Protein backbone atom coordinates (compact mmCIF):
# COMPACT_ATOMS: atom_id res chain seq x y z
CA MET A 1 31.18 15.55 -6.19
CA THR A 2 31.82 19.32 -5.97
CA THR A 3 28.12 20.15 -6.05
CA ILE A 4 27.36 17.52 -3.41
CA THR A 5 29.94 18.98 -1.05
CA SER A 6 28.54 22.46 -1.77
CA ILE A 7 25.12 21.28 -0.60
CA LEU A 8 26.57 19.78 2.56
CA GLY A 9 28.54 22.96 3.15
CA ALA A 10 25.39 25.06 2.83
CA CYS A 11 23.60 22.91 5.40
CA ALA A 12 26.62 23.04 7.71
CA LEU A 13 26.70 26.85 7.51
CA ILE A 14 23.10 26.94 8.70
CA PHE A 15 23.88 24.86 11.77
CA LEU A 16 27.12 26.70 12.60
CA GLN A 17 25.87 30.26 12.16
CA LEU A 18 22.20 30.10 13.13
CA LYS A 19 22.74 30.80 16.84
CA LYS A 20 25.05 33.75 16.19
CA ILE A 21 22.83 35.97 14.07
CA ASN A 22 19.35 37.45 14.34
CA LYS A 23 16.51 36.73 11.95
CA LEU A 24 17.06 39.79 9.75
CA SER A 25 20.78 39.12 9.38
CA PHE A 26 20.04 35.46 8.74
CA LYS A 27 17.72 36.30 5.83
CA VAL A 28 20.44 38.40 4.16
CA TYR A 29 23.07 35.79 4.97
CA PHE A 30 20.82 32.97 3.72
CA TRP A 31 20.13 34.49 0.31
CA LEU A 32 23.52 36.09 -0.39
CA VAL A 33 25.82 33.37 0.91
CA ILE A 34 23.97 30.03 0.92
CA ILE A 35 21.48 30.22 -1.97
CA LEU A 36 23.76 32.26 -4.24
CA GLY A 37 26.75 29.99 -3.61
CA LEU A 38 24.71 26.84 -4.12
CA SER A 39 23.15 28.18 -7.33
CA ILE A 40 26.55 29.11 -8.78
CA ALA A 41 27.95 25.66 -7.93
CA GLY A 42 25.00 23.91 -9.56
CA TRP A 43 25.01 26.18 -12.62
CA LEU A 44 28.73 25.75 -13.30
CA HIS A 45 28.35 21.97 -13.25
CA GLY A 46 25.05 21.98 -15.14
CA LYS A 47 23.23 20.08 -12.40
CA ARG A 48 19.73 21.53 -12.12
CA THR A 49 18.60 18.50 -10.13
CA TYR A 50 21.33 19.11 -7.56
CA ILE A 51 20.05 22.65 -7.01
CA ALA A 52 16.51 21.39 -6.39
CA ILE A 53 17.69 18.68 -4.01
CA GLY A 54 19.97 21.18 -2.27
CA LEU A 55 17.07 23.56 -1.68
CA VAL A 56 15.02 20.71 -0.19
CA LEU A 57 17.87 19.76 2.15
CA ILE A 58 18.38 23.36 3.23
CA LEU A 59 14.66 23.68 3.91
CA LEU A 60 14.81 20.52 6.03
CA SER A 61 17.79 22.01 7.85
CA LEU A 62 15.71 25.05 8.73
CA VAL A 63 12.87 22.81 9.92
CA ILE A 64 15.22 20.81 12.15
CA LYS A 65 16.60 24.03 13.63
CA LYS A 66 12.99 25.24 14.12
CA VAL A 67 13.51 28.36 12.03
CA VAL A 68 10.69 27.26 9.72
CA SER A 69 7.46 25.93 11.23
CA GLY A 70 5.34 23.08 9.89
CA LYS A 71 2.77 25.55 8.54
CA GLN A 72 5.44 27.47 6.65
CA LEU A 73 6.78 24.18 5.28
CA VAL A 74 3.36 23.27 3.88
CA ILE A 75 3.03 26.73 2.31
CA ALA A 76 6.50 26.42 0.78
CA PHE A 77 5.55 23.03 -0.68
CA LEU A 78 2.26 24.30 -2.12
CA VAL A 79 4.03 27.27 -3.70
CA GLY A 80 7.17 25.42 -4.75
CA LEU A 81 5.48 22.49 -6.52
CA PRO A 82 3.59 24.57 -9.13
CA LEU A 83 6.71 26.72 -9.51
CA LEU A 84 8.75 23.58 -10.22
CA PHE A 85 6.36 22.49 -12.95
CA PHE A 86 6.35 26.00 -14.42
CA VAL A 87 10.16 26.22 -14.55
CA ALA A 88 10.37 22.70 -16.01
CA ASP A 89 7.82 23.61 -18.68
CA VAL A 90 9.70 26.79 -19.62
CA TYR A 91 13.00 24.90 -19.74
CA GLN A 92 11.61 22.06 -21.85
CA SER A 93 9.89 24.40 -24.28
CA ASN A 94 12.42 27.23 -24.68
CA VAL A 95 15.81 25.69 -23.95
CA ARG A 96 15.42 22.12 -25.22
CA GLY A 97 12.86 22.95 -27.92
CA LEU A 98 10.42 20.29 -26.70
CA SER A 99 7.18 22.25 -26.62
CA ARG A 100 3.69 20.89 -27.19
CA GLU A 101 3.56 22.53 -30.61
CA THR A 102 6.81 20.98 -31.86
CA ILE A 103 6.53 17.39 -30.60
CA GLY A 104 2.83 16.95 -29.82
CA GLU A 105 0.90 16.48 -26.59
CA GLU A 106 1.60 12.76 -26.11
CA ARG A 107 5.35 12.96 -26.62
CA TYR A 108 5.53 16.16 -24.55
CA TYR A 109 3.88 14.32 -21.66
CA ASP A 110 6.36 11.45 -22.01
CA GLN A 111 9.30 13.88 -22.04
CA PHE A 112 7.94 15.66 -18.98
CA ARG A 113 7.64 12.37 -17.08
CA LEU A 114 11.15 11.43 -18.20
CA TYR A 115 12.45 14.79 -16.96
CA LEU A 116 10.80 14.77 -13.53
CA GLY A 117 9.73 11.19 -12.81
CA LYS A 118 11.55 7.90 -12.30
CA ASP A 119 8.92 5.30 -13.11
CA HIS A 120 10.29 4.66 -16.62
CA GLN A 121 13.56 3.13 -15.41
CA ILE A 122 11.82 1.05 -12.73
CA LYS A 123 9.43 -0.27 -15.40
CA LEU A 124 12.42 -1.14 -17.58
CA ALA A 125 14.08 -2.97 -14.67
CA ILE A 126 10.88 -4.97 -14.06
CA TYR A 127 10.55 -5.73 -17.78
CA SER A 128 14.14 -7.00 -17.92
CA GLU A 129 13.42 -9.32 -14.99
CA LEU A 130 10.30 -10.68 -16.65
CA TYR A 131 11.84 -11.06 -20.11
CA PRO A 132 15.64 -11.32 -19.73
CA GLU A 133 15.96 -12.86 -23.19
CA LYS A 134 14.53 -9.69 -24.76
CA ASN A 135 16.12 -6.96 -22.69
CA GLN A 136 18.77 -7.37 -20.02
CA ILE A 137 20.21 -4.33 -18.24
CA LEU A 138 23.22 -5.77 -16.37
CA GLU A 139 25.60 -8.45 -17.62
CA TYR A 140 25.52 -10.30 -14.29
CA ARG A 141 24.15 -9.90 -10.76
CA LEU A 142 25.74 -7.35 -8.41
CA GLN A 143 27.71 -5.88 -11.31
CA THR A 144 27.37 -2.22 -10.35
CA PHE A 145 27.93 -3.02 -6.65
CA TYR A 146 31.18 -4.66 -7.70
CA TYR A 147 32.00 -1.51 -9.66
CA TYR A 148 31.42 0.71 -6.62
CA ALA A 149 33.33 -1.59 -4.26
CA ILE A 150 36.40 -1.99 -6.48
CA SER A 151 36.73 1.18 -8.53
CA HIS A 152 36.11 3.60 -5.69
CA THR A 153 37.91 1.90 -2.81
CA ILE A 154 41.07 0.41 -4.35
CA PRO A 155 43.19 2.95 -6.28
CA ARG A 156 45.48 1.86 -9.09
CA LEU A 157 48.40 3.04 -6.97
CA LEU A 158 47.73 0.05 -4.69
CA TRP A 159 46.59 -2.23 -7.53
CA PRO A 160 48.75 -1.52 -10.63
CA GLY A 161 47.16 -4.30 -12.67
CA LYS A 162 43.62 -3.23 -11.85
CA PRO A 163 41.36 -4.28 -14.76
CA LYS A 164 39.02 -1.93 -16.53
CA ILE A 165 35.71 -2.02 -14.71
CA ALA A 166 32.26 -1.50 -16.15
CA PRO A 167 30.66 1.95 -15.67
CA SER A 168 27.84 2.81 -13.30
CA TYR A 169 24.23 1.66 -13.51
CA GLU A 170 23.30 4.72 -15.60
CA TYR A 171 25.44 3.37 -18.45
CA PHE A 172 23.71 -0.03 -18.55
CA LEU A 173 20.27 1.54 -18.11
CA SER A 174 20.85 3.91 -21.02
CA LYS A 175 22.20 1.12 -23.23
CA ALA A 176 19.18 -1.07 -22.49
CA ALA A 177 16.69 1.76 -23.02
CA LEU A 178 18.25 2.70 -26.37
CA GLY A 179 18.57 -0.93 -27.49
CA GLN A 180 22.36 -0.75 -27.84
CA GLU A 181 24.76 -3.63 -27.35
CA ILE A 182 27.31 -3.51 -24.52
CA ASP A 183 30.83 -3.70 -25.98
CA SER A 184 34.08 -4.56 -24.24
CA ASP A 185 35.28 -0.93 -24.33
CA TYR A 186 32.05 0.31 -22.73
CA SER A 187 31.57 3.03 -25.32
CA SER A 188 29.21 5.87 -24.47
CA PRO A 189 25.53 5.37 -25.36
CA GLY A 190 25.31 9.02 -26.40
CA ILE A 191 22.43 9.86 -24.07
CA TYR A 192 22.39 8.99 -20.38
CA LEU A 193 19.20 8.36 -18.45
CA GLN A 194 19.15 9.15 -14.75
CA ALA A 195 18.91 6.05 -12.60
CA SER A 196 17.20 5.39 -9.29
CA TYR A 197 18.22 3.26 -6.32
CA PHE A 198 15.13 1.04 -6.46
CA GLY A 199 15.66 0.15 -10.10
CA GLU A 200 19.36 -0.45 -9.53
CA MET A 201 18.67 -2.73 -6.57
CA LEU A 202 16.13 -4.68 -8.62
CA SER A 203 18.60 -5.21 -11.47
CA ASN A 204 21.44 -6.23 -9.12
CA VAL A 205 19.70 -8.71 -6.82
CA GLY A 206 16.55 -9.62 -8.74
CA TRP A 207 13.07 -9.70 -7.28
CA LEU A 208 14.53 -9.64 -3.78
CA GLY A 209 15.45 -6.03 -4.52
CA ILE A 210 11.78 -5.07 -4.19
CA LEU A 211 12.14 -5.78 -0.45
CA LEU A 212 15.79 -4.87 0.06
CA GLY A 213 15.43 -1.45 -1.58
CA PRO A 214 12.88 0.04 0.85
CA ILE A 215 14.41 -1.81 3.84
CA THR A 216 17.89 -0.35 3.28
CA VAL A 217 16.44 3.15 2.76
CA ALA A 218 14.45 2.84 6.00
CA TRP A 219 17.57 1.60 7.81
CA PHE A 220 19.60 4.58 6.59
CA CYS A 221 16.92 7.01 7.75
CA ARG A 222 16.61 5.28 11.15
CA VAL A 223 20.38 5.35 11.75
CA GLY A 224 20.60 9.02 10.80
CA ASP A 225 17.63 10.09 12.94
CA SER A 226 18.81 8.10 15.96
CA SER A 227 22.28 9.69 15.88
CA GLY A 228 21.08 12.87 17.55
CA LYS A 229 23.48 14.93 15.39
CA TYR A 230 21.88 17.59 13.21
CA LEU A 231 24.50 17.53 10.47
CA LEU A 232 24.56 13.73 10.38
CA ARG A 233 20.77 13.71 9.94
CA ILE A 234 21.06 16.12 7.02
CA TRP A 235 23.89 14.07 5.52
CA THR A 236 21.70 10.96 5.78
CA MET A 237 18.87 12.77 4.00
CA GLN A 238 21.30 13.84 1.30
CA ILE A 239 22.48 10.28 0.66
CA VAL A 240 18.94 8.89 0.61
CA ILE A 241 17.48 11.61 -1.63
CA PHE A 242 20.34 11.42 -4.12
CA ALA A 243 20.09 7.62 -4.21
CA LEU A 244 16.33 7.68 -4.78
CA TYR A 245 16.45 10.33 -7.48
CA LEU A 246 19.84 9.81 -9.12
CA GLY A 247 20.89 6.30 -8.14
CA LEU A 248 24.05 5.42 -6.26
CA ARG A 249 26.53 8.26 -6.69
CA GLU A 250 29.93 8.92 -5.12
CA PRO A 251 30.26 5.87 -2.82
CA ILE A 252 33.09 7.60 -0.98
CA VAL A 253 30.47 9.94 0.56
CA THR A 254 28.59 6.93 1.93
CA ILE A 255 31.84 5.37 3.20
CA ILE A 256 32.65 8.55 5.12
CA TRP A 257 29.08 8.54 6.47
CA VAL A 258 29.57 4.99 7.78
CA PHE A 259 32.79 5.95 9.56
CA TRP A 260 31.08 9.01 11.03
CA VAL A 261 28.17 6.90 12.33
CA LEU A 262 30.57 4.36 13.86
CA ARG A 263 32.58 7.14 15.47
CA ASN A 264 29.44 8.75 16.85
CA ARG A 265 28.27 5.45 18.35
CA TYR A 266 31.71 4.87 19.86
CA LEU A 267 31.67 8.28 21.52
CA VAL A 268 28.14 7.75 22.84
CA ARG A 269 29.08 4.38 24.35
CA LYS A 270 32.26 5.85 25.80
CA GLN A 271 30.28 8.62 27.44
CA LYS A 272 27.80 6.11 28.86
CA ARG A 273 30.64 4.05 30.34
CA LYS A 274 32.03 7.15 32.04
CA LEU A 275 28.61 7.94 33.47
CA TYR A 276 28.21 4.38 34.76
CA GLN A 277 31.66 4.56 36.37
CA LEU A 278 30.82 7.92 37.93
CA PHE A 279 27.53 6.63 39.33
CA GLY A 280 29.35 3.56 40.63
CA LYS A 281 31.88 5.70 42.51
CA LEU A 282 29.13 7.90 43.93
CA ASN A 283 27.20 4.84 45.01
CA SER A 284 30.26 3.40 46.75
CA THR A 285 30.79 6.60 48.76
CA LEU A 286 27.24 6.69 50.10
CA PRO A 287 26.87 5.54 53.72
CA ARG A 288 25.36 2.11 54.11
CA GLU A 289 23.07 1.11 56.98
């Protein structure tokens, strides 16, 4: 949660300060304040993925504010992608001890896909739908949605007898991937695999999730883009990117986003009503033939 708010804060600083400083000052400000602060927040919490996603969101912020052109964005992508693979290779080999020499080419490739890609958990979700008697991720439909709706919205202060609720989708995914049984105490699987929204939707609603997953993502993007608010657009991108790469995280952030969207629509409609009333008064004062 802290790292997520740090990313949003970095994007907000861009929008709030961009008009007040020149390009040279912005470069110093960008690297010393935004990138350094974001890197420290991600490093302290051990979230390398958050740093990468944060950099993407900040780059999109600069594109929206027209500080970075489309050509520069393409160059940044072409330079950043090989750099990402290089850093991941160094990290896998030197920090985690998973080099080609120690584990072999085939297993190294699998570990690399597991580290950067998300197809493994989607394949597992599809397999569990095809063969539920062999491998079943969730105990029942909509289980993790129930977890998000109850555990994050109703505190025990308001519900003293609140029962213990199952963990997030990552827990069930890791248990299924490792072949472990789900116990009543929901003990830790030992290793957690990162989830993805598409796989989670498929496990919760079945084959209908293949359609609902992309539709809900497209709806989120459409609502954010149509708001006309820069920070709301960036917040929408943050929610979508985190959901696609990490699964549903911190539902309270999405709840706040919904309230913000509703408030923005209310203000827009209120402004339109005032304009209609103003035009009506002006029309009534015009001389009629």
